[in-house]
C-alpha atoms as a PDB file:
ATOM      1  CA  UNK A   1     -55.991   3.918  22.160  1.00  0.00           C
ATOM      2  CA  UNK A   2     -52.561   3.137  23.566  1.00  0.00           C
ATOM      3  CA  UNK A   3     -49.971   2.021  21.034  1.00  0.00           C
ATOM      4  CA  UNK A   4     -48.305  -1.202  22.140  1.00  0.00           C
ATOM      5  CA  UNK A   5     -44.574  -1.693  21.821  1.00  0.00           C
ATOM      6  CA  UNK A   6     -43.496  -4.519  19.524  1.00  0.00           C
ATOM      7  CA  UNK A   7     -40.052  -5.637  18.310  1.00  0.00           C
ATOM      8  CA  UNK A   8     -40.835  -5.635  14.591  1.00  0.00           C
ATOM      9  CA  UNK A   9     -40.306  -2.848  12.096  1.00  0.00           C
ATOM     10  CA  UNK A  10     -42.090  -2.269   8.798  1.00  0.00           C
ATOM     11  CA  UNK A  11     -39.824  -2.383   5.761  1.00  0.00           C
ATOM     12  CA  UNK A  12     -39.971   0.475   3.306  1.00  0.00           C
ATOM     13  CA  UNK A  13     -41.217  -0.316  -0.191  1.00  0.00           C
ATOM     14  CA  UNK A  14     -38.232  -1.523  -2.213  1.00  0.00           C
ATOM     15  CA  UNK A  15     -37.848  -2.057  -5.974  1.00  0.00           C
ATOM     16  CA  UNK A  16     -34.925  -4.492  -5.566  1.00  0.00           C
ATOM     17  CA  UNK A  17     -36.810  -7.816  -5.071  1.00  0.00           C
ATOM     18  CA  UNK A  18     -38.864  -7.556  -8.267  1.00  0.00           C
ATOM     19  CA  UNK A  19     -35.913  -6.217 -10.279  1.00  0.00           C
ATOM     20  CA  UNK A  20     -33.693  -9.031  -8.987  1.00  0.00           C
ATOM     21  CA  UNK A  21     -36.325 -11.645  -9.885  1.00  0.00           C
ATOM     22  CA  UNK A  22     -36.774 -10.297 -13.424  1.00  0.00           C
ATOM     23  CA  UNK A  23     -33.034 -10.044 -14.106  1.00  0.00           C
ATOM     24  CA  UNK A  24     -32.399 -13.530 -12.719  1.00  0.00           C
ATOM     25  CA  UNK A  25     -35.139 -14.947 -14.958  1.00  0.00           C
ATOM     26  CA  UNK A  26     -33.710 -13.151 -17.999  1.00  0.00           C
ATOM     27  CA  UNK A  27     -30.208 -14.389 -17.127  1.00  0.00           C
ATOM     28  CA  UNK A  28     -31.378 -18.013 -17.058  1.00  0.00           C
ATOM     29  CA  UNK A  29     -33.097 -17.632 -20.434  1.00  0.00           C
ATOM     30  CA  UNK A  30     -29.990 -15.989 -21.887  1.00  0.00           C
ATOM     31  CA  UNK A  31     -27.778 -18.796 -20.567  1.00  0.00           C
ATOM     32  CA  UNK A  32     -29.981 -21.367 -22.315  1.00  0.00           C
ATOM     33  CA  UNK A  33     -29.426 -19.449 -25.549  1.00  0.00           C
ATOM     34  CA  UNK A  34     -25.663 -19.464 -24.929  1.00  0.00           C
ATOM     35  CA  UNK A  35     -25.735 -23.252 -24.416  1.00  0.00           C
ATOM     36  CA  UNK A  36     -27.262 -23.485 -27.878  1.00  0.00           C
ATOM     37  CA  UNK A  37     -24.378 -21.464 -29.317  1.00  0.00           C
ATOM     38  CA  UNK A  38     -26.385 -18.284 -29.690  1.00  0.00           C
ATOM     39  CA  UNK A  39     -24.301 -15.793 -27.730  1.00  0.00           C
ATOM     40  CA  UNK A  40     -25.904 -12.456 -27.028  1.00  0.00           C
ATOM     41  CA  UNK A  41     -25.016  -9.431 -24.942  1.00  0.00           C
ATOM     42  CA  UNK A  42     -28.264  -9.656 -22.935  1.00  0.00           C
ATOM     43  CA  UNK A  43     -26.732 -12.295 -20.667  1.00  0.00           C
ATOM     44  CA  UNK A  44     -23.807 -10.023 -19.772  1.00  0.00           C
ATOM     45  CA  UNK A  45     -26.140  -7.075 -19.192  1.00  0.00           C
ATOM     46  CA  UNK A  46     -28.367  -9.150 -16.888  1.00  0.00           C
ATOM     47  CA  UNK A  47     -25.348 -10.412 -14.948  1.00  0.00           C
ATOM     48  CA  UNK A  48     -24.052  -6.875 -14.428  1.00  0.00           C
ATOM     49  CA  UNK A  49     -27.532  -5.739 -13.408  1.00  0.00           C
ATOM     50  CA  UNK A  50     -27.749  -8.506 -10.798  1.00  0.00           C
ATOM     51  CA  UNK A  51     -24.439  -7.355  -9.291  1.00  0.00           C
ATOM     52  CA  UNK A  52     -25.593  -3.719  -9.311  1.00  0.00           C
ATOM     53  CA  UNK A  53     -28.972  -4.549  -7.733  1.00  0.00           C
ATOM     54  CA  UNK A  54     -27.263  -6.712  -5.088  1.00  0.00           C
ATOM     55  CA  UNK A  55     -25.016  -3.793  -4.131  1.00  0.00           C
ATOM     56  CA  UNK A  56     -27.958  -1.405  -3.780  1.00  0.00           C
ATOM     57  CA  UNK A  57     -30.047  -3.952  -1.873  1.00  0.00           C
ATOM     58  CA  UNK A  58     -27.180  -4.671   0.517  1.00  0.00           C
ATOM     59  CA  UNK A  59     -26.653  -0.916   0.929  1.00  0.00           C
ATOM     60  CA  UNK A  60     -30.259  -0.505   2.079  1.00  0.00           C
ATOM     61  CA  UNK A  61     -29.927  -3.343   4.594  1.00  0.00           C
ATOM     62  CA  UNK A  62     -26.764  -1.751   6.008  1.00  0.00           C
ATOM     63  CA  UNK A  63     -28.577   1.552   6.341  1.00  0.00           C
ATOM     64  CA  UNK A  64     -31.458  -0.083   8.201  1.00  0.00           C
ATOM     65  CA  UNK A  65     -29.070  -1.804  10.574  1.00  0.00           C
ATOM     66  CA  UNK A  66     -26.240   0.668  11.157  1.00  0.00           C
ATOM     67  CA  UNK A  67     -27.695   4.132  10.632  1.00  0.00           C
ATOM     68  CA  UNK A  68     -31.405   3.714  11.357  1.00  0.00           C
ATOM     69  CA  UNK A  69     -30.999   1.243  14.231  1.00  0.00           C
ATOM     70  CA  UNK A  70     -33.872  -0.981  13.100  1.00  0.00           C
ATOM     71  CA  UNK A  71     -32.077  -4.270  13.750  1.00  0.00           C
ATOM     72  CA  UNK A  72     -32.645  -4.869  17.443  1.00  0.00           C
ATOM     73  CA  UNK A  73     -31.760  -8.143  19.148  1.00  0.00           C
ATOM     74  CA  UNK A  74     -35.122  -9.691  18.240  1.00  0.00           C
ATOM     75  CA  UNK A  75     -34.646  -8.871  14.551  1.00  0.00           C
ATOM     76  CA  UNK A  76     -31.056 -10.142  14.682  1.00  0.00           C
ATOM     77  CA  UNK A  77     -32.269 -13.488  16.012  1.00  0.00           C
ATOM     78  CA  UNK A  78     -34.734 -13.739  13.129  1.00  0.00           C
ATOM     79  CA  UNK A  79     -31.951 -12.943  10.653  1.00  0.00           C
ATOM     80  CA  UNK A  80     -29.735 -15.602  12.229  1.00  0.00           C
ATOM     81  CA  UNK A  81     -32.529 -18.157  11.934  1.00  0.00           C
ATOM     82  CA  UNK A  82     -32.964 -17.221   8.272  1.00  0.00           C
ATOM     83  CA  UNK A  83     -29.233 -17.722   7.701  1.00  0.00           C
ATOM     84  CA  UNK A  84     -29.427 -21.156   9.338  1.00  0.00           C
ATOM     85  CA  UNK A  85     -32.215 -22.138   6.934  1.00  0.00           C
ATOM     86  CA  UNK A  86     -30.200 -20.837   3.993  1.00  0.00           C
ATOM     87  CA  UNK A  87     -27.116 -22.843   5.018  1.00  0.00           C
ATOM     88  CA  UNK A  88     -29.260 -25.970   5.428  1.00  0.00           C
ATOM     89  CA  UNK A  89     -30.618 -25.495   1.899  1.00  0.00           C
ATOM     90  CA  UNK A  90     -27.048 -25.153   0.593  1.00  0.00           C
ATOM     91  CA  UNK A  91     -26.072 -28.264   2.527  1.00  0.00           C
ATOM     92  CA  UNK A  92     -28.720 -30.298   0.699  1.00  0.00           C
ATOM     93  CA  UNK A  93     -27.356 -29.053  -2.623  1.00  0.00           C
ATOM     94  CA  UNK A  94     -23.995 -30.624  -1.807  1.00  0.00           C
ATOM     95  CA  UNK A  95     -25.655 -33.737  -0.385  1.00  0.00           C
ATOM     96  CA  UNK A  96     -27.024 -34.341  -3.892  1.00  0.00           C
ATOM     97  CA  UNK A  97     -23.476 -34.158  -5.267  1.00  0.00           C
ATOM     98  CA  UNK A  98     -22.190 -36.610  -2.668  1.00  0.00           C
ATOM     99  CA  UNK A  99     -25.134 -38.940  -3.295  1.00  0.00           C
ATOM    100  CA  UNK A 100     -24.421 -38.935  -7.024  1.00  0.00           C
ATOM    101  CA  UNK A 101     -20.715 -39.577  -6.480  1.00  0.00           C
ATOM    102  CA  UNK A 102     -21.139 -42.404  -3.965  1.00  0.00           C
ATOM    103  CA  UNK A 103     -23.873 -44.044  -6.041  1.00  0.00           C
ATOM    104  CA  UNK A 104     -21.601 -44.246  -9.073  1.00  0.00           C
ATOM    105  CA  UNK A 105     -18.351 -45.010  -7.259  1.00  0.00           C
ATOM    106  CA  UNK A 106     -19.735 -47.851  -5.122  1.00  0.00           C
ATOM    107  CA  UNK A 107     -21.430 -49.571  -8.074  1.00  0.00           C
ATOM    108  CA  UNK A 108     -19.883 -48.411 -11.388  1.00  0.00           C
ATOM    109  CA  UNK A 109     -22.070 -49.241 -14.357  1.00  0.00           C
ATOM    110  CA  UNK A 110     -21.055 -51.243 -17.399  1.00  0.00           C
ATOM    111  CA  UNK A 111     -20.739 -47.989 -19.379  1.00  0.00           C
ATOM    112  CA  UNK A 112     -17.883 -47.026 -17.020  1.00  0.00           C
ATOM    113  CA  UNK A 113     -16.172 -50.369 -17.539  1.00  0.00           C
ATOM    114  CA  UNK A 114     -17.111 -51.366 -13.987  1.00  0.00           C
ATOM    115  CA  UNK A 115     -14.221 -49.175 -12.822  1.00  0.00           C
ATOM    116  CA  UNK A 116     -14.077 -46.028 -10.701  1.00  0.00           C
ATOM    117  CA  UNK A 117     -12.407 -43.832 -11.742  1.00  0.00           C
ATOM    118  CA  UNK A 118     -13.002 -45.010 -15.324  1.00  0.00           C
ATOM    119  CA  UNK A 119     -10.008 -46.267 -17.286  1.00  0.00           C
ATOM    120  CA  UNK A 120      -7.727 -43.735 -19.013  1.00  0.00           C
ATOM    121  CA  UNK A 121      -8.505 -41.079 -16.383  1.00  0.00           C
ATOM    122  CA  UNK A 122      -5.498 -40.025 -14.334  1.00  0.00           C
ATOM    123  CA  UNK A 123      -6.708 -38.397 -11.150  1.00  0.00           C
ATOM    124  CA  UNK A 124      -4.961 -35.893  -8.887  1.00  0.00           C
ATOM    125  CA  UNK A 125      -2.629 -36.903  -6.105  1.00  0.00           C
ATOM    126  CA  UNK A 126      -4.616 -36.077  -2.928  1.00  0.00           C
ATOM    127  CA  UNK A 127      -1.377 -35.324  -1.053  1.00  0.00           C
ATOM    128  CA  UNK A 128      -0.416 -32.426  -3.321  1.00  0.00           C
ATOM    129  CA  UNK A 129      -2.669 -29.440  -4.175  1.00  0.00           C
ATOM    130  CA  UNK A 130      -5.852 -30.936  -2.611  1.00  0.00           C
ATOM    131  CA  UNK A 131      -4.121 -31.415   0.751  1.00  0.00           C
ATOM    132  CA  UNK A 132      -2.593 -27.936   0.584  1.00  0.00           C
ATOM    133  CA  UNK A 133      -6.025 -26.463  -0.156  1.00  0.00           C
ATOM    134  CA  UNK A 134      -7.439 -28.360   2.826  1.00  0.00           C
ATOM    135  CA  UNK A 135      -4.775 -26.888   5.107  1.00  0.00           C
ATOM    136  CA  UNK A 136      -5.439 -23.409   3.691  1.00  0.00           C
ATOM    137  CA  UNK A 137      -9.189 -23.597   4.329  1.00  0.00           C
ATOM    138  CA  UNK A 138      -8.734 -24.995   7.845  1.00  0.00           C
ATOM    139  CA  UNK A 139      -6.282 -22.183   8.583  1.00  0.00           C
ATOM    140  CA  UNK A 140      -8.725 -19.604   7.232  1.00  0.00           C
ATOM    141  CA  UNK A 141     -11.425 -21.042   9.500  1.00  0.00           C
ATOM    142  CA  UNK A 142      -9.043 -20.514  12.436  1.00  0.00           C
ATOM    143  CA  UNK A 143      -8.215 -16.936  11.406  1.00  0.00           C
ATOM    144  CA  UNK A 144     -11.872 -15.955  10.960  1.00  0.00           C
ATOM    145  CA  UNK A 145     -12.541 -17.330  14.463  1.00  0.00           C
ATOM    146  CA  UNK A 146      -9.687 -15.198  15.803  1.00  0.00           C
ATOM    147  CA  UNK A 147     -11.198 -12.221  13.969  1.00  0.00           C
ATOM    148  CA  UNK A 148     -14.454 -12.776  15.842  1.00  0.00           C
ATOM    149  CA  UNK A 149     -12.596 -13.186  19.129  1.00  0.00           C
ATOM    150  CA  UNK A 150     -10.750  -9.866  18.783  1.00  0.00           C
ATOM    151  CA  UNK A 151     -13.911  -8.133  17.578  1.00  0.00           C
ATOM    152  CA  UNK A 152     -15.660  -9.240  20.769  1.00  0.00           C
ATOM    153  CA  UNK A 153     -12.713  -7.859  22.748  1.00  0.00           C
ATOM    154  CA  UNK A 154     -12.702  -4.475  20.964  1.00  0.00           C
ATOM    155  CA  UNK A 155      -9.242  -4.982  19.487  1.00  0.00           C
ATOM    156  CA  UNK A 156      -9.679  -3.248  16.140  1.00  0.00           C
ATOM    157  CA  UNK A 157      -6.076  -3.624  14.932  1.00  0.00           C
ATOM    158  CA  UNK A 158      -5.923  -7.401  15.443  1.00  0.00           C
ATOM    159  CA  UNK A 159      -9.447  -7.776  14.044  1.00  0.00           C
ATOM    160  CA  UNK A 160      -8.380  -6.096  10.793  1.00  0.00           C
ATOM    161  CA  UNK A 161      -5.143  -8.127  10.611  1.00  0.00           C
ATOM    162  CA  UNK A 162      -6.833 -11.522  10.926  1.00  0.00           C
ATOM    163  CA  UNK A 163      -9.673 -10.478   8.623  1.00  0.00           C
ATOM    164  CA  UNK A 164      -7.150  -9.562   5.931  1.00  0.00           C
ATOM    165  CA  UNK A 165      -5.331 -12.833   6.514  1.00  0.00           C
ATOM    166  CA  UNK A 166      -8.578 -14.791   6.046  1.00  0.00           C
ATOM    167  CA  UNK A 167      -9.269 -13.035   2.735  1.00  0.00           C
ATOM    168  CA  UNK A 168      -5.688 -13.661   1.527  1.00  0.00           C
ATOM    169  CA  UNK A 169      -6.025 -17.365   2.345  1.00  0.00           C
ATOM    170  CA  UNK A 170      -9.336 -17.573   0.485  1.00  0.00           C
ATOM    171  CA  UNK A 171      -7.784 -16.001  -2.615  1.00  0.00           C
ATOM    172  CA  UNK A 172      -4.832 -18.377  -2.358  1.00  0.00           C
ATOM    173  CA  UNK A 173      -7.266 -21.298  -2.293  1.00  0.00           C
ATOM    174  CA  UNK A 174      -8.980 -20.058  -5.465  1.00  0.00           C
ATOM    175  CA  UNK A 175      -5.651 -19.617  -7.257  1.00  0.00           C
ATOM    176  CA  UNK A 176      -4.605 -23.166  -6.382  1.00  0.00           C
ATOM    177  CA  UNK A 177      -7.956 -24.565  -7.497  1.00  0.00           C
ATOM    178  CA  UNK A 178      -7.607 -22.765 -10.845  1.00  0.00           C
ATOM    179  CA  UNK A 179      -4.091 -24.212 -11.166  1.00  0.00           C
ATOM    180  CA  UNK A 180      -5.460 -27.681 -10.385  1.00  0.00           C
ATOM    181  CA  UNK A 181      -8.126 -27.354 -13.082  1.00  0.00           C
ATOM    182  CA  UNK A 182      -5.472 -26.229 -15.542  1.00  0.00           C
ATOM    183  CA  UNK A 183      -3.366 -29.326 -14.812  1.00  0.00           C
ATOM    184  CA  UNK A 184      -6.283 -31.771 -15.016  1.00  0.00           C
ATOM    185  CA  UNK A 185      -6.018 -34.554 -17.594  1.00  0.00           C
ATOM    186  CA  UNK A 186      -9.793 -34.984 -17.870  1.00  0.00           C
ATOM    187  CA  UNK A 187     -12.657 -32.622 -18.661  1.00  0.00           C
ATOM    188  CA  UNK A 188     -16.276 -32.067 -17.703  1.00  0.00           C
ATOM    189  CA  UNK A 189     -17.417 -34.283 -20.587  1.00  0.00           C
ATOM    190  CA  UNK A 190     -15.274 -37.289 -19.602  1.00  0.00           C
ATOM    191  CA  UNK A 191     -18.094 -39.546 -18.443  1.00  0.00           C
ATOM    192  CA  UNK A 192     -20.083 -39.024 -15.272  1.00  0.00           C
ATOM    193  CA  UNK A 193     -16.804 -38.987 -13.349  1.00  0.00           C
ATOM    194  CA  UNK A 194     -15.700 -35.695 -14.898  1.00  0.00           C
ATOM    195  CA  UNK A 195     -19.104 -34.049 -14.631  1.00  0.00           C
ATOM    196  CA  UNK A 196     -19.517 -35.136 -10.981  1.00  0.00           C
ATOM    197  CA  UNK A 197     -16.072 -33.840 -10.017  1.00  0.00           C
ATOM    198  CA  UNK A 198     -16.322 -30.465 -11.753  1.00  0.00           C
ATOM    199  CA  UNK A 199     -19.907 -29.843 -10.630  1.00  0.00           C
ATOM    200  CA  UNK A 200     -19.094 -30.460  -6.958  1.00  0.00           C
ATOM    201  CA  UNK A 201     -15.729 -28.699  -6.779  1.00  0.00           C
ATOM    202  CA  UNK A 202     -16.894 -25.944  -9.129  1.00  0.00           C
ATOM    203  CA  UNK A 203     -19.934 -25.131  -7.000  1.00  0.00           C
ATOM    204  CA  UNK A 204     -17.729 -25.169  -3.921  1.00  0.00           C
ATOM    205  CA  UNK A 205     -15.355 -22.758  -5.648  1.00  0.00           C
ATOM    206  CA  UNK A 206     -18.324 -20.513  -6.433  1.00  0.00           C
ATOM    207  CA  UNK A 207     -19.262 -20.559  -2.747  1.00  0.00           C
ATOM    208  CA  UNK A 208     -15.688 -19.630  -1.844  1.00  0.00           C
ATOM    209  CA  UNK A 209     -15.897 -16.637  -4.205  1.00  0.00           C
ATOM    210  CA  UNK A 210     -19.214 -15.547  -2.650  1.00  0.00           C
ATOM    211  CA  UNK A 211     -17.827 -16.043   0.864  1.00  0.00           C
ATOM    212  CA  UNK A 212     -14.726 -14.000  -0.010  1.00  0.00           C
ATOM    213  CA  UNK A 213     -16.878 -11.124  -1.274  1.00  0.00           C
ATOM    214  CA  UNK A 214     -18.939 -11.402   1.929  1.00  0.00           C
ATOM    215  CA  UNK A 215     -15.742 -11.118   4.002  1.00  0.00           C
ATOM    216  CA  UNK A 216     -14.441  -8.193   1.931  1.00  0.00           C
ATOM    217  CA  UNK A 217     -17.627  -6.217   2.491  1.00  0.00           C
ATOM    218  CA  UNK A 218     -17.389  -6.880   6.223  1.00  0.00           C
ATOM    219  CA  UNK A 219     -13.745  -5.794   6.212  1.00  0.00           C
ATOM    220  CA  UNK A 220     -14.791  -2.500   4.612  1.00  0.00           C
ATOM    221  CA  UNK A 221     -17.479  -2.070   7.274  1.00  0.00           C
ATOM    222  CA  UNK A 222     -14.929  -2.785   9.989  1.00  0.00           C
ATOM    223  CA  UNK A 223     -12.703  -0.024   8.624  1.00  0.00           C
ATOM    224  CA  UNK A 224     -15.708   2.310   8.694  1.00  0.00           C
ATOM    225  CA  UNK A 225     -16.440   1.348  12.344  1.00  0.00           C
ATOM    226  CA  UNK A 226     -19.878  -0.118  11.602  1.00  0.00           C
ATOM    227  CA  UNK A 227     -19.470  -2.923  14.138  1.00  0.00           C
ATOM    228  CA  UNK A 228     -19.375  -3.048  17.919  1.00  0.00           C
ATOM    229  CA  UNK A 229     -18.678  -5.941  20.253  1.00  0.00           C
ATOM    230  CA  UNK A 230     -22.432  -6.458  20.754  1.00  0.00           C
ATOM    231  CA  UNK A 231     -23.724  -5.630  17.260  1.00  0.00           C
ATOM    232  CA  UNK A 232     -21.877  -7.290  14.361  1.00  0.00           C
ATOM    233  CA  UNK A 233     -24.410  -9.681  12.900  1.00  0.00           C
ATOM    234  CA  UNK A 234     -23.155  -9.209   9.342  1.00  0.00           C
ATOM    235  CA  UNK A 235     -19.744 -10.535  10.297  1.00  0.00           C
ATOM    236  CA  UNK A 236     -21.260 -13.385  12.316  1.00  0.00           C
ATOM    237  CA  UNK A 237     -23.244 -14.548   9.291  1.00  0.00           C
ATOM    238  CA  UNK A 238     -20.137 -14.302   7.096  1.00  0.00           C
ATOM    239  CA  UNK A 239     -18.203 -16.397   9.624  1.00  0.00           C
ATOM    240  CA  UNK A 240     -20.972 -19.022   9.720  1.00  0.00           C
ATOM    241  CA  UNK A 241     -20.973 -19.182   5.937  1.00  0.00           C
ATOM    242  CA  UNK A 242     -17.187 -19.541   5.879  1.00  0.00           C
ATOM    243  CA  UNK A 243     -17.214 -22.393   8.407  1.00  0.00           C
ATOM    244  CA  UNK A 244     -19.878 -24.097   6.272  1.00  0.00           C
ATOM    245  CA  UNK A 245     -17.611 -23.805   3.226  1.00  0.00           C
ATOM    246  CA  UNK A 246     -14.726 -25.350   5.205  1.00  0.00           C
ATOM    247  CA  UNK A 247     -16.823 -28.293   6.387  1.00  0.00           C
ATOM    248  CA  UNK A 248     -18.088 -28.992   2.858  1.00  0.00           C
ATOM    249  CA  UNK A 249     -14.520 -28.984   1.570  1.00  0.00           C
ATOM    250  CA  UNK A 250     -13.481 -31.573   4.157  1.00  0.00           C
ATOM    251  CA  UNK A 251     -16.197 -33.896   2.870  1.00  0.00           C
ATOM    252  CA  UNK A 252     -15.193 -33.135  -0.733  1.00  0.00           C
ATOM    253  CA  UNK A 253     -11.578 -33.967   0.044  1.00  0.00           C
ATOM    254  CA  UNK A 254     -12.462 -37.242   1.766  1.00  0.00           C
ATOM    255  CA  UNK A 255     -14.803 -38.402  -1.012  1.00  0.00           C
ATOM    256  CA  UNK A 256     -13.811 -36.880  -4.364  1.00  0.00           C
ATOM    257  CA  UNK A 257     -10.048 -36.864  -3.723  1.00  0.00           C
ATOM    258  CA  UNK A 258      -9.169 -39.493  -1.129  1.00  0.00           C
ATOM    259  CA  UNK A 259     -11.836 -42.046  -2.122  1.00  0.00           C
ATOM    260  CA  UNK A 260     -10.614 -42.069  -5.724  1.00  0.00           C
ATOM    261  CA  UNK A 261      -7.092 -43.212  -4.815  1.00  0.00           C
END
């Protein structure tokens, strides 16, 4: 019987999904114990295991793509579609933050003194660090686009330069956000205003950290010549993720910073 050609490939059996699921479950349970002031080393061990498993899992995907050649154009399209679904799911996470903020800011309850921000809370000047962070992220979005442009044109030197510049800008953003938190006159427990602000900006900062790691790994792969002008899906997904982070920040700036002044 003739074997028919098909674009799919069968994945090898992998221990990483089940190990990741178990360690993530244990990490959540350990964090609940920490919230109840019962610190234990299991949480740290689970966190380190998740990082280690992620590295090994990512290594296997790189091997399938770069060295085994299993990621043809059909598979790459499926991966891109999966990334689109992931970004949409992340978008709805932030929509919940915006919904919460607008609900409380448009109609402050009596517990807030019918004021937004509540009295005795001095908020940041949106024209200082928040505006600078906005400029930094918009610039990083431009540099990552230039990185893609030079990658498509086989200009390795300029690709590496603009990739490094994007990573530097992302780190600068995180430093400024940490400085902003340090200068804040209110905390997470200062009414729903404080919790809304720190949840939204904190989760965005977490996404910036993840995006920066994503870019760093792609920079390492660029130095190892893993990409070509027709096959660089890992970088494309990192660039999509980075543009998503930039767009979310624009909405955060317009609502959480500008709206409050």
